[in-house]
Amino acid sequence: MSRGGRRDGPTEPIRTCVGCGERLPQRLLQRFHLHDGELQAGPGPGRGAYTCRRRACLERAVARRAFGRTLRARVVVPAGLTDLFI
């Protein structure tokens, strides 16, 4: 670290899991986006929401309707999406 608490060089983006609220490097999380109002995993256009790569976090985010709040839209969660994580 340089003086003043600043880091030298580029930093990795930090994102928050919408399921558990943990803040982690973006590369450790799964990104979700909307396509025609339906939630899809993976990269895509527009706002994104992230969860840990654990089924419990994804299920909690769906149950709490966190995707709708984070993406600022009405979200349809397709059946079987929670099967993304084992």
N, C-alpha and C. Protein backbone atom coordinates (compact mmCIF):
# COMPACT_ATOMS: atom_id res chain seq x y z
N MET A 1 0.83 -1.18 0.00
CA MET A 1 0.00 0.00 0.00
C MET A 1 0.88 1.25 0.00
N SER A 2 0.39 2.23 -0.65
CA SER A 2 1.09 3.49 -0.65
C SER A 2 0.61 4.33 0.53
N ARG A 3 1.17 5.48 0.69
CA ARG A 3 0.78 6.36 1.80
C ARG A 3 -0.68 6.77 1.67
N GLY A 4 -1.33 6.97 2.80
CA GLY A 4 -2.71 7.41 2.78
C GLY A 4 -3.71 6.28 2.65
N GLY A 5 -3.25 5.02 2.75
CA GLY A 5 -4.18 3.90 2.68
C GLY A 5 -4.63 3.53 1.28
N ARG A 6 -4.05 4.12 0.27
CA ARG A 6 -4.43 3.79 -1.11
C ARG A 6 -3.65 2.59 -1.59
N ARG A 7 -4.27 1.82 -2.45
CA ARG A 7 -3.60 0.66 -3.02
C ARG A 7 -2.90 1.06 -4.31
N ASP A 8 -1.82 0.37 -4.57
CA ASP A 8 -1.12 0.57 -5.83
C ASP A 8 -1.67 -0.40 -6.86
N GLY A 9 -1.91 0.06 -8.07
CA GLY A 9 -2.39 -0.80 -9.14
C GLY A 9 -3.90 -0.96 -9.15
N PRO A 10 -4.40 -1.74 -10.12
CA PRO A 10 -5.85 -1.91 -10.26
C PRO A 10 -6.43 -2.76 -9.12
N THR A 11 -7.67 -2.51 -8.80
CA THR A 11 -8.36 -3.29 -7.77
C THR A 11 -9.46 -4.12 -8.41
N GLU A 12 -9.81 -5.19 -7.76
CA GLU A 12 -10.85 -6.08 -8.28
C GLU A 12 -12.22 -5.56 -7.81
N PRO A 13 -13.23 -5.60 -8.70
CA PRO A 13 -14.57 -5.15 -8.29
C PRO A 13 -15.14 -6.03 -7.17
N ILE A 14 -15.81 -5.39 -6.23
CA ILE A 14 -16.46 -6.09 -5.12
C ILE A 14 -17.96 -5.97 -5.33
N ARG A 15 -18.68 -7.07 -5.18
CA ARG A 15 -20.13 -7.10 -5.32
C ARG A 15 -20.75 -7.73 -4.07
N THR A 16 -22.04 -7.50 -3.88
CA THR A 16 -22.75 -8.02 -2.71
C THR A 16 -23.73 -9.09 -3.14
N CYS A 17 -23.72 -10.22 -2.44
CA CYS A 17 -24.66 -11.31 -2.69
C CYS A 17 -26.05 -10.85 -2.25
N VAL A 18 -27.04 -10.96 -3.14
CA VAL A 18 -28.40 -10.55 -2.78
C VAL A 18 -29.09 -11.58 -1.90
N GLY A 19 -28.48 -12.73 -1.71
CA GLY A 19 -29.03 -13.75 -0.84
C GLY A 19 -28.60 -13.60 0.60
N CYS A 20 -27.27 -13.52 0.82
CA CYS A 20 -26.75 -13.49 2.19
C CYS A 20 -26.18 -12.13 2.58
N GLY A 21 -25.92 -11.26 1.62
CA GLY A 21 -25.39 -9.94 1.91
C GLY A 21 -23.88 -9.87 2.04
N GLU A 22 -23.19 -10.98 1.80
CA GLU A 22 -21.74 -10.99 1.89
C GLU A 22 -21.11 -10.25 0.72
N ARG A 23 -20.07 -9.48 1.00
CA ARG A 23 -19.36 -8.75 -0.04
C ARG A 23 -18.13 -9.55 -0.44
N LEU A 24 -18.04 -9.89 -1.75
CA LEU A 24 -16.97 -10.72 -2.27
C LEU A 24 -16.47 -10.17 -3.59
N PRO A 25 -15.27 -10.59 -4.01
CA PRO A 25 -14.81 -10.22 -5.35
C PRO A 25 -15.79 -10.74 -6.41
N GLN A 26 -16.00 -9.95 -7.43
CA GLN A 26 -16.98 -10.27 -8.48
C GLN A 26 -16.75 -11.64 -9.08
N ARG A 27 -15.51 -12.06 -9.23
CA ARG A 27 -15.20 -13.34 -9.88
C ARG A 27 -15.69 -14.54 -9.08
N LEU A 28 -15.98 -14.36 -7.79
CA LEU A 28 -16.45 -15.46 -6.95
C LEU A 28 -17.97 -15.58 -6.91
N LEU A 29 -18.67 -14.66 -7.55
CA LEU A 29 -20.13 -14.64 -7.51
C LEU A 29 -20.73 -14.99 -8.87
N GLN A 30 -21.99 -15.39 -8.85
CA GLN A 30 -22.73 -15.68 -10.09
C GLN A 30 -23.57 -14.46 -10.44
N ARG A 31 -23.47 -13.99 -11.68
CA ARG A 31 -24.24 -12.83 -12.12
C ARG A 31 -25.56 -13.28 -12.73
N PHE A 32 -26.61 -12.51 -12.45
CA PHE A 32 -27.93 -12.73 -13.04
C PHE A 32 -28.38 -11.44 -13.69
N HIS A 33 -29.14 -11.56 -14.77
CA HIS A 33 -29.69 -10.40 -15.46
C HIS A 33 -31.08 -10.75 -15.98
N LEU A 34 -31.78 -9.76 -16.45
CA LEU A 34 -33.11 -9.98 -17.01
C LEU A 34 -33.06 -10.02 -18.53
N HIS A 35 -33.83 -10.94 -19.09
CA HIS A 35 -34.02 -11.01 -20.54
C HIS A 35 -35.52 -11.17 -20.75
N ASP A 36 -36.16 -10.14 -21.27
CA ASP A 36 -37.62 -10.12 -21.46
C ASP A 36 -38.37 -10.41 -20.16
N GLY A 37 -37.86 -9.86 -19.06
CA GLY A 37 -38.51 -10.00 -17.76
C GLY A 37 -38.22 -11.29 -17.03
N GLU A 38 -37.44 -12.18 -17.64
CA GLU A 38 -37.12 -13.47 -17.03
C GLU A 38 -35.67 -13.47 -16.55
N LEU A 39 -35.46 -13.97 -15.35
CA LEU A 39 -34.13 -14.01 -14.76
C LEU A 39 -33.28 -15.05 -15.45
N GLN A 40 -32.06 -14.66 -15.82
CA GLN A 40 -31.13 -15.57 -16.47
C GLN A 40 -29.76 -15.44 -15.83
N ALA A 41 -29.06 -16.55 -15.75
CA ALA A 41 -27.72 -16.57 -15.20
C ALA A 41 -26.71 -16.24 -16.30
N GLY A 42 -25.61 -15.61 -15.90
CA GLY A 42 -24.53 -15.33 -16.83
C GLY A 42 -24.48 -13.89 -17.25
N PRO A 43 -23.49 -13.57 -18.07
CA PRO A 43 -23.34 -12.18 -18.52
C PRO A 43 -24.49 -11.77 -19.42
N GLY A 44 -24.80 -10.51 -19.39
CA GLY A 44 -25.87 -9.99 -20.24
C GLY A 44 -25.97 -8.49 -20.09
N PRO A 45 -26.82 -7.88 -20.87
CA PRO A 45 -26.94 -6.42 -20.85
C PRO A 45 -27.69 -5.92 -19.62
N GLY A 46 -27.46 -4.68 -19.29
CA GLY A 46 -28.23 -4.02 -18.23
C GLY A 46 -27.75 -4.32 -16.83
N ARG A 47 -28.62 -3.99 -15.89
CA ARG A 47 -28.30 -4.18 -14.47
C ARG A 47 -28.10 -5.66 -14.18
N GLY A 48 -27.24 -5.92 -13.22
CA GLY A 48 -27.00 -7.29 -12.81
C GLY A 48 -27.20 -7.43 -11.31
N ALA A 49 -27.49 -8.63 -10.90
CA ALA A 49 -27.59 -8.99 -9.49
C ALA A 49 -26.69 -10.20 -9.28
N TYR A 50 -26.09 -10.31 -8.13
CA TYR A 50 -25.12 -11.36 -7.87
C TYR A 50 -25.51 -12.19 -6.66
N THR A 51 -25.20 -13.49 -6.72
CA THR A 51 -25.33 -14.35 -5.54
C THR A 51 -24.05 -15.16 -5.41
N CYS A 52 -23.82 -15.64 -4.18
CA CYS A 52 -22.73 -16.59 -3.97
C CYS A 52 -23.06 -17.82 -4.81
N ARG A 53 -22.08 -18.62 -5.06
CA ARG A 53 -22.31 -19.83 -5.87
C ARG A 53 -22.79 -20.98 -4.98
N ARG A 54 -23.76 -20.66 -4.14
CA ARG A 54 -24.38 -21.66 -3.26
C ARG A 54 -25.88 -21.66 -3.50
N ARG A 55 -26.44 -22.83 -3.50
CA ARG A 55 -27.88 -22.97 -3.75
C ARG A 55 -28.69 -22.23 -2.68
N ALA A 56 -28.24 -22.27 -1.43
CA ALA A 56 -28.97 -21.62 -0.33
C ALA A 56 -29.09 -20.12 -0.57
N CYS A 57 -28.04 -19.49 -1.08
CA CYS A 57 -28.09 -18.04 -1.34
C CYS A 57 -29.06 -17.72 -2.47
N LEU A 58 -29.05 -18.54 -3.51
CA LEU A 58 -29.97 -18.33 -4.63
C LEU A 58 -31.42 -18.52 -4.18
N GLU A 59 -31.68 -19.57 -3.41
CA GLU A 59 -33.04 -19.82 -2.92
C GLU A 59 -33.52 -18.70 -2.00
N ARG A 60 -32.63 -18.21 -1.16
CA ARG A 60 -32.99 -17.11 -0.25
C ARG A 60 -33.29 -15.83 -1.03
N ALA A 61 -32.50 -15.55 -2.05
CA ALA A 61 -32.73 -14.35 -2.86
C ALA A 61 -34.08 -14.43 -3.57
N VAL A 62 -34.44 -15.62 -4.06
CA VAL A 62 -35.74 -15.81 -4.72
C VAL A 62 -36.86 -15.64 -3.70
N ALA A 63 -36.73 -16.27 -2.54
CA ALA A 63 -37.77 -16.22 -1.52
C ALA A 63 -37.99 -14.79 -0.99
N ARG A 64 -36.93 -14.02 -0.88
CA ARG A 64 -37.03 -12.66 -0.36
C ARG A 64 -37.34 -11.63 -1.45
N ARG A 65 -37.48 -12.10 -2.68
CA ARG A 65 -37.74 -11.23 -3.84
C ARG A 65 -36.65 -10.17 -4.01
N ALA A 66 -35.43 -10.57 -3.69
CA ALA A 66 -34.29 -9.65 -3.75
C ALA A 66 -33.92 -9.29 -5.19
N PHE A 67 -34.16 -10.20 -6.13
CA PHE A 67 -33.81 -9.90 -7.52
C PHE A 67 -34.64 -8.74 -8.05
N GLY A 68 -35.90 -8.71 -7.74
CA GLY A 68 -36.78 -7.62 -8.20
C GLY A 68 -36.33 -6.28 -7.66
N ARG A 69 -35.96 -6.24 -6.38
CA ARG A 69 -35.50 -4.98 -5.78
C ARG A 69 -34.17 -4.54 -6.39
N THR A 70 -33.26 -5.47 -6.52
CA THR A 70 -31.93 -5.14 -7.03
C THR A 70 -31.97 -4.73 -8.50
N LEU A 71 -32.74 -5.45 -9.29
CA LEU A 71 -32.81 -5.17 -10.73
C LEU A 71 -33.83 -4.08 -11.06
N ARG A 72 -34.58 -3.64 -10.06
CA ARG A 72 -35.58 -2.57 -10.23
C ARG A 72 -36.59 -2.91 -11.32
N ALA A 73 -37.08 -4.13 -11.27
CA ALA A 73 -38.04 -4.58 -12.28
C ALA A 73 -38.85 -5.74 -11.72
N ARG A 74 -39.92 -6.05 -12.41
CA ARG A 74 -40.70 -7.24 -12.09
C ARG A 74 -39.96 -8.43 -12.68
N VAL A 75 -39.72 -9.44 -11.86
CA VAL A 75 -38.86 -10.56 -12.26
C VAL A 75 -39.66 -11.86 -12.25
N VAL A 76 -39.51 -12.64 -13.32
CA VAL A 76 -40.05 -13.99 -13.39
C VAL A 76 -38.87 -14.94 -13.23
N VAL A 77 -38.94 -15.78 -12.21
CA VAL A 77 -37.88 -16.75 -11.97
C VAL A 77 -38.29 -18.07 -12.61
N PRO A 78 -37.55 -18.52 -13.63
CA PRO A 78 -37.94 -19.76 -14.32
C PRO A 78 -37.79 -20.97 -13.41
N ALA A 79 -38.67 -21.94 -13.60
CA ALA A 79 -38.58 -23.19 -12.84
C ALA A 79 -37.25 -23.85 -13.13
N GLY A 80 -36.65 -24.39 -12.11
CA GLY A 80 -35.37 -25.09 -12.28
C GLY A 80 -34.15 -24.21 -12.19
N LEU A 81 -34.33 -22.90 -11.99
CA LEU A 81 -33.16 -22.03 -11.89
C LEU A 81 -32.33 -22.38 -10.66
N THR A 82 -32.98 -22.79 -9.58
CA THR A 82 -32.24 -23.13 -8.37
C THR A 82 -31.41 -24.41 -8.56
N ASP A 83 -31.66 -25.16 -9.63
CA ASP A 83 -30.85 -26.33 -9.92
C ASP A 83 -29.50 -25.96 -10.52
N LEU A 84 -29.27 -24.66 -10.70
CA LEU A 84 -28.01 -24.17 -11.25
C LEU A 84 -26.85 -24.57 -10.34
N PHE A 85 -27.09 -24.55 -9.02
CA PHE A 85 -26.06 -24.91 -8.05
C PHE A 85 -26.48 -26.19 -7.35
N ILE A 86 -25.53 -27.06 -7.14
CA ILE A 86 -25.80 -28.34 -6.47
C ILE A 86 -25.53 -28.21 -5.00
